[in-house]
Every structure is written in C-alpha cells, then in structure tokens.
Amino acid sequence: MKTSSIIIFGYDELLLASIDFFEQSDSKIAAVVVPSNRKDPRAMQVRELVEQKGLVTLEQPSKKDSDKFLTRLRELKPDVIFVWSYPMILRQEIIDIPKNAAVNLHFGLLPEYRGVNGIRWALLNGESTTGVTLHYIDSGIDTGDIIARVSFPIEPPDDIRSLMIKSRTAGLHVLKQCWTAVETGNVTATPQNESKAAYYSAAMNPSEIVDWSKPALQIHNLIRASVAPLPGVYSLVGGKKIKFKRSIVTDRPTGEFCPGTVIEVNQMGITVATFDEALLITEAEYDGNPVAKHELASLGLSSGKVLENE
C-alpha cells in the first residue's frame, strides 16, 4: 500500500532516476512537474519518456500564468514535493502546498556551494571533496534546513562527467537512507551556518577560451570542469577550434616561454606554457573531431607555436 503522495519536479536524467526510486518505494507519484523554460532535445526526450509511463505530467508556467497551475497542484493534495535538478524557482505558494514538506536534493555541499551546479564550481575552485545535500525548501535559494549531506573525494581523474555520476549515486543513497523519515515528517534538520555560505553563478561556462596566462592548475581544473555534457573550452589553431578534453599539470617551469606557447609535441600529447608550469594536453577535439594524445602531433603544431585566443 502506498503510504504517501509525492509530486516530483525535474527535467533531465535525474528526473528519471527519481521516478525509478519512488516507483520502488511506498510513495505514490501524484504528478511530475517539468519546467516551461527547458525545450531542448534532451529535456523533451525525458519528458516523452515520463509521459510514456502514464504519469500525470504538468508544466510549470511563468509566474504570470501560474494560477491554474497552483490550483491543479492543490487538487493533487501531495504529502511531499521533491525537487532534483530543476531550473525554475518554486514560489512560496508552491512550497506551502504539500502536507508534510517540500525538499530539494542539491548537487553540491551546503551552505558552501549554494546556487547552480555546485559540483562544477567545486572542480573550478580546486576542492578535494564535493557532495550532495538534501534540504528543506524555503523562500531563499538553497537556504533551507539540512536533512542530510554526503561528501565524496574529487580524485585526479575526475571531471564534470564522472562527478555527475558520483553525485547521482550519492543522491540515491541519501534518498534510500532518509526518505521514510522525510515523508512521515520524522526528521531532525539542521539550520545552515550562514557564516560559511557562498553563492555561485548560474553561468555554466565562465570562460570558453583558455587564458594561458593563468596558472596551470587553474586551467587544468577549467578543462575537466567543462567537458561534455558541457560545451568545453578551447584555443584556436589556424582559425579552427582545438577543444581540450583532458590534461595533466607537470612540474616543468615555463618562465622562458610566453603563456600559450607550445613547448613540445610528442606521443604523450601537447605541452603548453602557462603562467607557472607546463600543461600537458592528452586529449582534445579539433574542428569537431576527437583527437587522441598520440594523434595530437598531426595537427601541425610545433615547438614555438602560440595558441590563438581570437
């Protein structure tokens, strides 16, 4: 017998993971809400898969057109609203609808990484750990009391893709551990420490073109934080983009080279000068085609060539 009624807010693969979890639990999925501001092919494919499951599917409209939407949510009388990877703000009128709680599963550790894509910003900032946080939703952005948070290490081979996979696994673990308490309201939550709070921008690509005058570690972190499914970062070679997919920070000082200068090209990849140390590019994409490290020498780069920024 289903013990509680839940409305799920989501739009991407994590929405499908949420549905799978709740279908296997004792919760009844009253409806799935998708955002009106996501119409890209990926989001539409997920929406189609949700509708094929026969679930009630609603679209959250803009604020000015929300009266009918709010009425429909109230008619469903949910016990809980659950949000995971959702790009629209939930107004207080929505937060107040469920009988027991409105909760969000946040990609990032709170309160240190409020805002969009905390795991990406952890990579950009050179953190050694990141994680996920389950918290109550209130009128602020990622400010509600914390129910649980799970951290995991950011290891040298990690990039945004691998951290998204780790975060999905950690998120499902949190749900398995905490959901019965959440849906019954039997949770002792912890207020967030405002002295540790920081917000991060929704900008998913703070710098598409690599600035080689930055330190090698900073460029390395930008590269691994920007690989697919994000657009990636690049320099220009002969007017064509060379997009960087994997790199290694070396201990080779580059004081005698201008930043962006190719120091060496061999079977290991392309070694490029930065502000401090050389960065070895081991995997790239040139003019839209993947290039492995042993093929990078075929791009016509040679020692002394300066990668272009524009």
C-alpha atoms as a PDB file:
ATOM      1  CA  MET A   1       0.000   0.000   0.000  1.00  0.00           C
ATOM      2  CA  LYS A   2       1.345   3.444  -0.923  1.00  0.00           C
ATOM      3  CA  THR A   3       1.916   5.494   2.223  1.00  0.00           C
ATOM      4  CA  SER A   4       2.379   8.990   0.859  1.00  0.00           C
ATOM      5  CA  SER A   5       1.674  11.091  -2.211  1.00  0.00           C
ATOM      6  CA  ILE A   6       4.550  12.902  -3.907  1.00  0.00           C
ATOM      7  CA  ILE A   7       4.938  15.450  -6.692  1.00  0.00           C
ATOM      8  CA  ILE A   8       8.347  15.371  -8.413  1.00  0.00           C
ATOM      9  CA  PHE A   9       9.866  18.452 -10.032  1.00  0.00           C
ATOM     10  CA  GLY A  10      12.597  17.716 -12.609  1.00  0.00           C
ATOM     11  CA  TYR A  11      13.523  17.699 -16.281  1.00  0.00           C
ATOM     12  CA  ASP A  12      16.655  15.657 -17.059  1.00  0.00           C
ATOM     13  CA  GLU A  13      18.030  12.155 -16.465  1.00  0.00           C
ATOM     14  CA  LEU A  14      17.815  12.751 -12.718  1.00  0.00           C
ATOM     15  CA  LEU A  15      14.055  13.056 -13.105  1.00  0.00           C
ATOM     16  CA  LEU A  16      14.023   9.519 -14.495  1.00  0.00           C
ATOM     17  CA  ALA A  17      16.214   8.351 -11.592  1.00  0.00           C
ATOM     18  CA  SER A  18      13.781   9.986  -9.149  1.00  0.00           C
ATOM     19  CA  ILE A  19      10.803   8.262 -10.741  1.00  0.00           C
ATOM     20  CA  ASP A  20      12.551   4.890 -10.619  1.00  0.00           C
ATOM     21  CA  PHE A  21      13.340   5.385  -6.929  1.00  0.00           C
ATOM     22  CA  PHE A  22       9.807   6.378  -5.926  1.00  0.00           C
ATOM     23  CA  GLU A  23       8.191   3.667  -8.028  1.00  0.00           C
ATOM     24  CA  GLN A  24      10.201   1.153  -5.992  1.00  0.00           C
ATOM     25  CA  SER A  25       9.318   2.783  -2.674  1.00  0.00           C
ATOM     26  CA  ASP A  26       5.960   3.033  -0.935  1.00  0.00           C
ATOM     27  CA  SER A  27       5.332   6.533  -2.263  1.00  0.00           C
ATOM     28  CA  LYS A  28       2.607   7.296  -4.771  1.00  0.00           C
ATOM     29  CA  ILE A  29       3.706   9.622  -7.570  1.00  0.00           C
ATOM     30  CA  ALA A  30       0.766  12.028  -7.848  1.00  0.00           C
ATOM     31  CA  ALA A  31       2.352  14.008 -10.671  1.00  0.00           C
ATOM     32  CA  VAL A  32       5.575  15.017 -12.364  1.00  0.00           C
ATOM     33  CA  VAL A  33       6.237  18.711 -12.993  1.00  0.00           C
ATOM     34  CA  VAL A  34       8.558  19.777 -15.818  1.00  0.00           C
ATOM     35  CA  PRO A  35       9.800  23.345 -16.456  1.00  0.00           C
ATOM     36  CA  SER A  36       8.475  25.544 -19.230  1.00  0.00           C
ATOM     37  CA  ASN A  37      11.929  27.080 -19.748  1.00  0.00           C
ATOM     38  CA  ARG A  38      13.573  23.862 -20.982  1.00  0.00           C
ATOM     39  CA  LYS A  39      12.624  22.806 -24.523  1.00  0.00           C
ATOM     40  CA  ASP A  40      15.967  21.432 -25.724  1.00  0.00           C
ATOM     41  CA  PRO A  41      16.016  17.939 -27.318  1.00  0.00           C
ATOM     42  CA  ARG A  42      17.431  16.316 -24.169  1.00  0.00           C
ATOM     43  CA  ALA A  43      14.665  17.737 -21.959  1.00  0.00           C
ATOM     44  CA  MET A  44      11.935  16.897 -24.464  1.00  0.00           C
ATOM     45  CA  GLN A  45      13.141  13.310 -24.756  1.00  0.00           C
ATOM     46  CA  VAL A  46      12.980  12.910 -20.969  1.00  0.00           C
ATOM     47  CA  ARG A  47       9.514  14.456 -20.925  1.00  0.00           C
ATOM     48  CA  GLU A  48       8.354  11.975 -23.565  1.00  0.00           C
ATOM     49  CA  LEU A  49       9.687   9.041 -21.511  1.00  0.00           C
ATOM     50  CA  VAL A  50       7.828  10.320 -18.449  1.00  0.00           C
ATOM     51  CA  GLU A  51       4.581  10.627 -20.375  1.00  0.00           C
ATOM     52  CA  GLN A  52       5.022   7.100 -21.745  1.00  0.00           C
ATOM     53  CA  LYS A  53       4.969   5.861 -18.144  1.00  0.00           C
ATOM     54  CA  GLY A  54       1.417   7.135 -17.866  1.00  0.00           C
ATOM     55  CA  LEU A  55       2.242   9.587 -15.094  1.00  0.00           C
ATOM     56  CA  VAL A  56       0.327  12.834 -14.705  1.00  0.00           C
ATOM     57  CA  THR A  57       2.686  15.392 -16.252  1.00  0.00           C
ATOM     58  CA  LEU A  58       2.322  19.116 -15.641  1.00  0.00           C
ATOM     59  CA  GLU A  59       4.352  22.029 -16.973  1.00  0.00           C
ATOM     60  CA  GLN A  60       5.271  24.863 -14.627  1.00  0.00           C
ATOM     61  CA  PRO A  61       4.396  28.095 -16.436  1.00  0.00           C
ATOM     62  CA  SER A  62       5.855  31.546 -15.930  1.00  0.00           C
ATOM     63  CA  LYS A  63       4.829  33.373 -12.765  1.00  0.00           C
ATOM     64  CA  LYS A  64       2.198  35.486 -14.508  1.00  0.00           C
ATOM     65  CA  ASP A  65       0.374  32.393 -15.821  1.00  0.00           C
ATOM     66  CA  SER A  66       0.556  30.288 -12.662  1.00  0.00           C
ATOM     67  CA  ASP A  67      -2.955  30.473 -11.168  1.00  0.00           C
ATOM     68  CA  LYS A  68      -4.328  27.368 -12.923  1.00  0.00           C
ATOM     69  CA  PHE A  69      -1.077  25.536 -12.227  1.00  0.00           C
ATOM     70  CA  LEU A  70      -1.295  26.290  -8.499  1.00  0.00           C
ATOM     71  CA  THR A  71      -4.931  25.170  -8.418  1.00  0.00           C
ATOM     72  CA  ARG A  72      -4.031  21.862 -10.067  1.00  0.00           C
ATOM     73  CA  LEU A  73      -1.206  21.224  -7.599  1.00  0.00           C
ATOM     74  CA  ARG A  74      -3.532  21.882  -4.654  1.00  0.00           C
ATOM     75  CA  GLU A  75      -6.118  19.495  -6.110  1.00  0.00           C
ATOM     76  CA  LEU A  76      -3.496  16.704  -6.061  1.00  0.00           C
ATOM     77  CA  LYS A  77      -3.049  17.150  -2.274  1.00  0.00           C
ATOM     78  CA  PRO A  78       0.547  15.909  -2.100  1.00  0.00           C
ATOM     79  CA  ASP A  79       2.223  14.949   1.144  1.00  0.00           C
ATOM     80  CA  VAL A  80       5.644  15.890  -0.204  1.00  0.00           C
ATOM     81  CA  ILE A  81       7.144  17.890  -3.065  1.00  0.00           C
ATOM     82  CA  PHE A  82      10.529  16.578  -4.187  1.00  0.00           C
ATOM     83  CA  VAL A  83      12.938  18.575  -6.368  1.00  0.00           C
ATOM     84  CA  TRP A  84      16.140  17.328  -8.004  1.00  0.00           C
ATOM     85  CA  SER A  85      17.944  19.294 -10.722  1.00  0.00           C
ATOM     86  CA  TYR A  86      15.223  21.802 -11.553  1.00  0.00           C
ATOM     87  CA  PRO A  87      15.810  25.175 -13.270  1.00  0.00           C
ATOM     88  CA  MET A  88      12.778  27.191 -12.132  1.00  0.00           C
ATOM     89  CA  ILE A  89      12.131  28.915  -8.814  1.00  0.00           C
ATOM     90  CA  LEU A  90       9.402  27.474  -6.597  1.00  0.00           C
ATOM     91  CA  ARG A  91       7.296  30.326  -5.248  1.00  0.00           C
ATOM     92  CA  GLN A  92       6.150  30.268  -1.646  1.00  0.00           C
ATOM     93  CA  GLU A  93       2.631  29.330  -2.810  1.00  0.00           C
ATOM     94  CA  ILE A  94       4.072  26.081  -4.206  1.00  0.00           C
ATOM     95  CA  ILE A  95       6.275  25.384  -1.178  1.00  0.00           C
ATOM     96  CA  ASP A  96       3.218  25.694   1.074  1.00  0.00           C
ATOM     97  CA  ILE A  97       1.110  23.139  -0.841  1.00  0.00           C
ATOM     98  CA  PRO A  98       2.401  19.751   0.448  1.00  0.00           C
ATOM     99  CA  LYS A  99       1.092  18.427   3.751  1.00  0.00           C
ATOM    100  CA  ASN A 100       4.496  17.429   5.168  1.00  0.00           C
ATOM    101  CA  ALA A 101       7.393  19.011   3.298  1.00  0.00           C
ATOM    102  CA  ALA A 102       8.999  20.413   0.177  1.00  0.00           C
ATOM    103  CA  VAL A 103      12.569  19.147  -0.186  1.00  0.00           C
ATOM    104  CA  ASN A 104      15.408  19.579  -2.649  1.00  0.00           C
ATOM    105  CA  LEU A 105      18.342  17.298  -3.461  1.00  0.00           C
ATOM    106  CA  HIS A 106      21.162  19.721  -4.229  1.00  0.00           C
ATOM    107  CA  PHE A 107      24.266  18.940  -6.305  1.00  0.00           C
ATOM    108  CA  GLY A 108      26.887  20.426  -4.005  1.00  0.00           C
ATOM    109  CA  LEU A 109      27.644  20.777  -0.317  1.00  0.00           C
ATOM    110  CA  LEU A 110      25.568  23.338   1.534  1.00  0.00           C
ATOM    111  CA  PRO A 111      25.922  26.017   2.681  1.00  0.00           C
ATOM    112  CA  GLU A 112      29.325  26.385   0.982  1.00  0.00           C
ATOM    113  CA  TYR A 113      28.028  25.846  -2.564  1.00  0.00           C
ATOM    114  CA  ARG A 114      24.626  27.433  -2.979  1.00  0.00           C
ATOM    115  CA  GLY A 115      23.395  28.165  -6.481  1.00  0.00           C
ATOM    116  CA  VAL A 116      23.699  26.258  -9.739  1.00  0.00           C
ATOM    117  CA  ASN A 117      25.951  23.228 -10.272  1.00  0.00           C
ATOM    118  CA  GLY A 118      27.903  23.176  -7.026  1.00  0.00           C
ATOM    119  CA  ILE A 119      29.939  20.162  -8.124  1.00  0.00           C
ATOM    120  CA  ARG A 120      31.245  22.050 -11.165  1.00  0.00           C
ATOM    121  CA  TRP A 121      32.244  25.024  -9.086  1.00  0.00           C
ATOM    122  CA  ALA A 122      33.987  22.703  -6.619  1.00  0.00           C
ATOM    123  CA  LEU A 123      36.104  21.478  -9.547  1.00  0.00           C
ATOM    124  CA  LEU A 124      36.815  25.009 -10.741  1.00  0.00           C
ATOM    125  CA  ASN A 125      37.838  26.025  -7.234  1.00  0.00           C
ATOM    126  CA  GLY A 126      40.240  23.096  -6.857  1.00  0.00           C
ATOM    127  CA  GLU A 127      38.362  21.460  -3.989  1.00  0.00           C
ATOM    128  CA  SER A 128      39.382  17.989  -2.847  1.00  0.00           C
ATOM    129  CA  THR A 129      35.802  16.983  -1.964  1.00  0.00           C
ATOM    130  CA  THR A 130      32.262  17.696  -3.096  1.00  0.00           C
ATOM    131  CA  GLY A 131      28.917  16.055  -2.476  1.00  0.00           C
ATOM    132  CA  VAL A 132      25.133  16.338  -2.344  1.00  0.00           C
ATOM    133  CA  THR A 133      22.757  17.854   0.192  1.00  0.00           C
ATOM    134  CA  LEU A 134      19.128  17.010   0.946  1.00  0.00           C
ATOM    135  CA  HIS A 135      17.395  20.030   2.470  1.00  0.00           C
ATOM    136  CA  TYR A 136      14.036  21.604   3.076  1.00  0.00           C
ATOM    137  CA  ILE A 137      12.954  24.275   0.620  1.00  0.00           C
ATOM    138  CA  ASP A 138      12.192  27.723   1.998  1.00  0.00           C
ATOM    139  CA  SER A 139      11.812  31.170   0.448  1.00  0.00           C
ATOM    140  CA  GLY A 140      15.578  31.556  -0.107  1.00  0.00           C
ATOM    141  CA  ILE A 141      17.823  29.901  -2.682  1.00  0.00           C
ATOM    142  CA  ASP A 142      19.308  26.712  -1.188  1.00  0.00           C
ATOM    143  CA  THR A 143      18.927  28.148   2.323  1.00  0.00           C
ATOM    144  CA  GLY A 144      16.589  25.616   3.944  1.00  0.00           C
ATOM    145  CA  ASP A 145      17.480  23.396   6.899  1.00  0.00           C
ATOM    146  CA  ILE A 146      19.698  20.431   6.063  1.00  0.00           C
ATOM    147  CA  ILE A 147      18.288  16.919   6.357  1.00  0.00           C
ATOM    148  CA  ALA A 148      21.440  15.084   5.242  1.00  0.00           C
ATOM    149  CA  ARG A 149      24.553  15.618   3.187  1.00  0.00           C
ATOM    150  CA  VAL A 150      27.038  13.166   1.755  1.00  0.00           C
ATOM    151  CA  SER A 151      30.539  14.089   0.605  1.00  0.00           C
ATOM    152  CA  PHE A 152      32.960  12.196  -1.625  1.00  0.00           C
ATOM    153  CA  PRO A 153      36.510  12.900  -2.865  1.00  0.00           C
ATOM    154  CA  ILE A 154      37.350  14.661  -6.103  1.00  0.00           C
ATOM    155  CA  GLU A 155      40.073  12.398  -7.440  1.00  0.00           C
ATOM    156  CA  PRO A 156      42.727  13.334 -10.039  1.00  0.00           C
ATOM    157  CA  PRO A 157      40.985  11.538 -12.958  1.00  0.00           C
ATOM    158  CA  ASP A 158      37.604  13.124 -12.172  1.00  0.00           C
ATOM    159  CA  ASP A 159      35.879  15.569 -14.485  1.00  0.00           C
ATOM    160  CA  ILE A 160      32.378  17.014 -14.502  1.00  0.00           C
ATOM    161  CA  ARG A 161      31.028  13.889 -16.186  1.00  0.00           C
ATOM    162  CA  SER A 162      32.391  11.471 -13.568  1.00  0.00           C
ATOM    163  CA  LEU A 163      31.321  13.764 -10.715  1.00  0.00           C
ATOM    164  CA  MET A 164      27.775  13.863 -12.077  1.00  0.00           C
ATOM    165  CA  ILE A 165      27.713  10.076 -11.972  1.00  0.00           C
ATOM    166  CA  LYS A 166      29.113  10.055  -8.426  1.00  0.00           C
ATOM    167  CA  SER A 167      26.566  12.685  -7.400  1.00  0.00           C
ATOM    168  CA  ARG A 168      23.679  10.674  -8.817  1.00  0.00           C
ATOM    169  CA  THR A 169      24.833   7.630  -6.846  1.00  0.00           C
ATOM    170  CA  ALA A 170      25.265   9.693  -3.669  1.00  0.00           C
ATOM    171  CA  GLY A 171      21.850  11.290  -4.153  1.00  0.00           C
ATOM    172  CA  LEU A 172      20.094   7.951  -4.462  1.00  0.00           C
ATOM    173  CA  HIS A 173      21.967   6.762  -1.363  1.00  0.00           C
ATOM    174  CA  VAL A 174      20.683   9.759   0.608  1.00  0.00           C
ATOM    175  CA  LEU A 175      17.131   9.086  -0.539  1.00  0.00           C
ATOM    176  CA  LYS A 176      17.315   5.439   0.498  1.00  0.00           C
ATOM    177  CA  GLN A 177      18.613   6.411   3.923  1.00  0.00           C
ATOM    178  CA  CYS A 178      16.305   9.331   4.620  1.00  0.00           C
ATOM    179  CA  TRP A 179      13.106   9.116   2.650  1.00  0.00           C
ATOM    180  CA  THR A 180      10.915   7.260   5.142  1.00  0.00           C
ATOM    181  CA  ALA A 181      11.711   9.887   7.762  1.00  0.00           C
ATOM    182  CA  VAL A 182      11.108  12.730   5.293  1.00  0.00           C
ATOM    183  CA  GLU A 183       7.711  11.552   4.100  1.00  0.00           C
ATOM    184  CA  THR A 184       6.489  10.999   7.664  1.00  0.00           C
ATOM    185  CA  GLY A 185       7.882  14.285   8.912  1.00  0.00           C
ATOM    186  CA  ASN A 186      10.112  12.481  11.408  1.00  0.00           C
ATOM    187  CA  VAL A 187      13.285  14.448  10.607  1.00  0.00           C
ATOM    188  CA  THR A 188      15.607  16.462  12.804  1.00  0.00           C
ATOM    189  CA  ALA A 189      17.017  19.010  10.382  1.00  0.00           C
ATOM    190  CA  THR A 190      19.936  21.361  10.974  1.00  0.00           C
ATOM    191  CA  PRO A 191      19.898  25.084  10.165  1.00  0.00           C
ATOM    192  CA  GLN A 192      22.606  26.146   7.749  1.00  0.00           C
ATOM    193  CA  ASN A 193      25.628  28.023   9.027  1.00  0.00           C
ATOM    194  CA  GLU A 194      25.344  31.390   7.310  1.00  0.00           C
ATOM    195  CA  SER A 195      28.955  32.254   8.118  1.00  0.00           C
ATOM    196  CA  LYS A 196      30.040  29.519   5.670  1.00  0.00           C
ATOM    197  CA  ALA A 197      27.512  30.323   2.947  1.00  0.00           C
ATOM    198  CA  ALA A 198      28.557  31.217  -0.599  1.00  0.00           C
ATOM    199  CA  TYR A 199      26.570  31.582  -3.804  1.00  0.00           C
ATOM    200  CA  TYR A 200      27.767  30.570  -7.252  1.00  0.00           C
ATOM    201  CA  SER A 201      26.579  31.848 -10.602  1.00  0.00           C
ATOM    202  CA  ALA A 202      24.262  30.004 -12.939  1.00  0.00           C
ATOM    203  CA  ALA A 203      26.777  30.661 -15.734  1.00  0.00           C
ATOM    204  CA  MET A 204      27.749  27.215 -16.974  1.00  0.00           C
ATOM    205  CA  ASN A 205      30.740  28.379 -18.998  1.00  0.00           C
ATOM    206  CA  PRO A 206      32.632  31.233 -17.307  1.00  0.00           C
ATOM    207  CA  SER A 207      35.425  31.144 -19.921  1.00  0.00           C
ATOM    208  CA  GLU A 208      35.101  29.324 -23.248  1.00  0.00           C
ATOM    209  CA  ILE A 209      38.523  30.451 -24.496  1.00  0.00           C
ATOM    210  CA  VAL A 210      41.503  29.366 -22.418  1.00  0.00           C
ATOM    211  CA  ASP A 211      43.537  32.175 -20.890  1.00  0.00           C
ATOM    212  CA  TRP A 212      47.024  30.685 -20.869  1.00  0.00           C
ATOM    213  CA  SER A 213      48.293  33.469 -18.592  1.00  0.00           C
ATOM    214  CA  LYS A 214      46.502  31.722 -15.720  1.00  0.00           C
ATOM    215  CA  PRO A 215      48.262  29.111 -13.527  1.00  0.00           C
ATOM    216  CA  ALA A 216      48.407  25.566 -14.958  1.00  0.00           C
ATOM    217  CA  LEU A 217      46.279  24.067 -12.180  1.00  0.00           C
ATOM    218  CA  GLN A 218      43.537  26.632 -12.752  1.00  0.00           C
ATOM    219  CA  ILE A 219      43.446  25.862 -16.495  1.00  0.00           C
ATOM    220  CA  HIS A 220      43.503  22.124 -15.785  1.00  0.00           C
ATOM    221  CA  ASN A 221      40.508  22.463 -13.456  1.00  0.00           C
ATOM    222  CA  LEU A 222      38.653  24.547 -16.057  1.00  0.00           C
ATOM    223  CA  ILE A 223      39.225  21.867 -18.698  1.00  0.00           C
ATOM    224  CA  ARG A 224      37.937  18.993 -16.584  1.00  0.00           C
ATOM    225  CA  ALA A 225      35.012  21.089 -15.325  1.00  0.00           C
ATOM    226  CA  SER A 226      33.915  21.870 -18.892  1.00  0.00           C
ATOM    227  CA  VAL A 227      33.911  18.554 -20.783  1.00  0.00           C
ATOM    228  CA  ALA A 228      30.726  17.059 -22.237  1.00  0.00           C
ATOM    229  CA  PRO A 229      27.890  17.357 -21.499  1.00  0.00           C
ATOM    230  CA  LEU A 230      29.095  20.965 -21.145  1.00  0.00           C
ATOM    231  CA  PRO A 231      30.363  22.846 -24.231  1.00  0.00           C
ATOM    232  CA  GLY A 232      34.086  22.648 -23.382  1.00  0.00           C
ATOM    233  CA  VAL A 233      36.932  25.197 -23.574  1.00  0.00           C
ATOM    234  CA  TYR A 234      39.292  25.844 -26.456  1.00  0.00           C
ATOM    235  CA  SER A 235      42.042  27.793 -28.215  1.00  0.00           C
ATOM    236  CA  LEU A 236      42.373  28.419 -31.939  1.00  0.00           C
ATOM    237  CA  VAL A 237      44.786  26.804 -34.380  1.00  0.00           C
ATOM    238  CA  GLY A 238      44.687  28.209 -37.886  1.00  0.00           C
ATOM    239  CA  GLY A 239      41.341  29.767 -37.127  1.00  0.00           C
ATOM    240  CA  LYS A 240      39.829  26.409 -36.063  1.00  0.00           C
ATOM    241  CA  LYS A 241      38.947  25.372 -32.540  1.00  0.00           C
ATOM    242  CA  ILE A 242      41.061  22.901 -30.625  1.00  0.00           C
ATOM    243  CA  LYS A 243      38.845  21.915 -27.707  1.00  0.00           C
ATOM    244  CA  PHE A 244      40.642  20.469 -24.677  1.00  0.00           C
ATOM    245  CA  LYS A 245      39.213  17.359 -23.047  1.00  0.00           C
ATOM    246  CA  ARG A 246      41.950  16.037 -20.734  1.00  0.00           C
ATOM    247  CA  SER A 247      45.161  17.459 -19.308  1.00  0.00           C
ATOM    248  CA  ILE A 248      47.954  16.868 -16.787  1.00  0.00           C
ATOM    249  CA  VAL A 249      49.750  19.518 -14.746  1.00  0.00           C
ATOM    250  CA  THR A 250      53.503  18.977 -14.977  1.00  0.00           C
ATOM    251  CA  ASP A 251      56.212  20.278 -12.647  1.00  0.00           C
ATOM    252  CA  ARG A 252      58.098  21.845 -15.563  1.00  0.00           C
ATOM    253  CA  PRO A 253      58.567  25.622 -15.055  1.00  0.00           C
ATOM    254  CA  THR A 254      57.783  27.767 -18.093  1.00  0.00           C
ATOM    255  CA  GLY A 255      59.364  31.100 -17.224  1.00  0.00           C
ATOM    256  CA  GLU A 256      61.280  31.316 -20.518  1.00  0.00           C
ATOM    257  CA  PHE A 257      58.112  30.790 -22.620  1.00  0.00           C
ATOM    258  CA  CYS A 258      55.221  33.161 -23.208  1.00  0.00           C
ATOM    259  CA  PRO A 259      51.903  31.723 -21.954  1.00  0.00           C
ATOM    260  CA  GLY A 260      50.156  29.752 -24.677  1.00  0.00           C
ATOM    261  CA  THR A 261      53.396  28.751 -26.393  1.00  0.00           C
ATOM    262  CA  VAL A 262      53.667  25.121 -27.489  1.00  0.00           C
ATOM    263  CA  ILE A 263      56.801  23.755 -25.796  1.00  0.00           C
ATOM    264  CA  GLU A 264      56.759  20.247 -27.185  1.00  0.00           C
ATOM    265  CA  VAL A 265      54.614  17.885 -29.253  1.00  0.00           C
ATOM    266  CA  ASN A 266      55.133  14.127 -28.958  1.00  0.00           C
ATOM    267  CA  GLN A 267      53.276  10.840 -28.455  1.00  0.00           C
ATOM    268  CA  MET A 268      52.248  11.926 -24.954  1.00  0.00           C
ATOM    269  CA  GLY A 269      50.412  14.996 -26.259  1.00  0.00           C
ATOM    270  CA  ILE A 270      50.964  18.753 -26.483  1.00  0.00           C
ATOM    271  CA  THR A 271      52.894  20.572 -23.763  1.00  0.00           C
ATOM    272  CA  VAL A 272      51.835  24.221 -23.438  1.00  0.00           C
ATOM    273  CA  ALA A 273      53.274  27.054 -21.330  1.00  0.00           C
ATOM    274  CA  THR A 274      51.066  28.725 -18.730  1.00  0.00           C
ATOM    275  CA  PHE A 275      51.734  31.382 -16.108  1.00  0.00           C
ATOM    276  CA  ASP A 276      53.768  28.996 -13.959  1.00  0.00           C
ATOM    277  CA  GLU A 277      54.061  25.364 -15.080  1.00  0.00           C
ATOM    278  CA  ALA A 278      53.634  23.452 -18.317  1.00  0.00           C
ATOM    279  CA  LEU A 279      50.300  21.821 -19.009  1.00  0.00           C
ATOM    280  CA  LEU A 280      50.240  18.576 -20.981  1.00  0.00           C
ATOM    281  CA  ILE A 281      47.155  18.202 -23.179  1.00  0.00           C
ATOM    282  CA  THR A 282      46.488  14.481 -23.627  1.00  0.00           C
ATOM    283  CA  GLU A 283      43.093  14.514 -25.309  1.00  0.00           C
ATOM    284  CA  ALA A 284      41.420  17.095 -27.500  1.00  0.00           C
ATOM    285  CA  GLU A 285      38.903  17.739 -30.237  1.00  0.00           C
ATOM    286  CA  TYR A 286      39.945  19.583 -33.395  1.00  0.00           C
ATOM    287  CA  ASP A 287      37.447  21.115 -35.778  1.00  0.00           C
ATOM    288  CA  GLY A 288      34.757  18.934 -34.194  1.00  0.00           C
ATOM    289  CA  ASN A 289      36.686  15.637 -34.389  1.00  0.00           C
ATOM    290  CA  PRO A 290      38.116  13.753 -31.371  1.00  0.00           C
ATOM    291  CA  VAL A 291      41.915  13.539 -31.288  1.00  0.00           C
ATOM    292  CA  ALA A 292      43.779  11.108 -29.010  1.00  0.00           C
ATOM    293  CA  LYS A 293      47.134  12.055 -27.477  1.00  0.00           C
ATOM    294  CA  HIS A 294      49.189  10.057 -29.993  1.00  0.00           C
ATOM    295  CA  GLU A 295      47.406  11.895 -32.809  1.00  0.00           C
ATOM    296  CA  LEU A 296      47.849  15.435 -31.497  1.00  0.00           C
ATOM    297  CA  ALA A 297      51.157  15.811 -33.335  1.00  0.00           C
ATOM    298  CA  SER A 298      49.217  15.554 -36.610  1.00  0.00           C
ATOM    299  CA  LEU A 299      47.528  18.925 -36.011  1.00  0.00           C
ATOM    300  CA  GLY A 300      50.524  20.777 -37.406  1.00  0.00           C
ATOM    301  CA  LEU A 301      51.579  22.209 -34.062  1.00  0.00           C
ATOM    302  CA  SER A 302      55.278  22.522 -33.342  1.00  0.00           C
ATOM    303  CA  SER A 303      57.531  23.922 -30.660  1.00  0.00           C
ATOM    304  CA  GLY A 304      57.265  27.704 -30.545  1.00  0.00           C
ATOM    305  CA  LYS A 305      53.724  27.877 -31.968  1.00  0.00           C
ATOM    306  CA  VAL A 306      51.466  30.157 -29.915  1.00  0.00           C
ATOM    307  CA  LEU A 307      47.871  29.053 -29.438  1.00  0.00           C
ATOM    308  CA  GLU A 308      45.482  31.765 -30.530  1.00  0.00           C
ATOM    309  CA  ASN A 309      42.804  33.321 -28.337  1.00  0.00           C
ATOM    310  CA  GLU A 310      40.876  35.060 -31.084  1.00  0.00           C
END
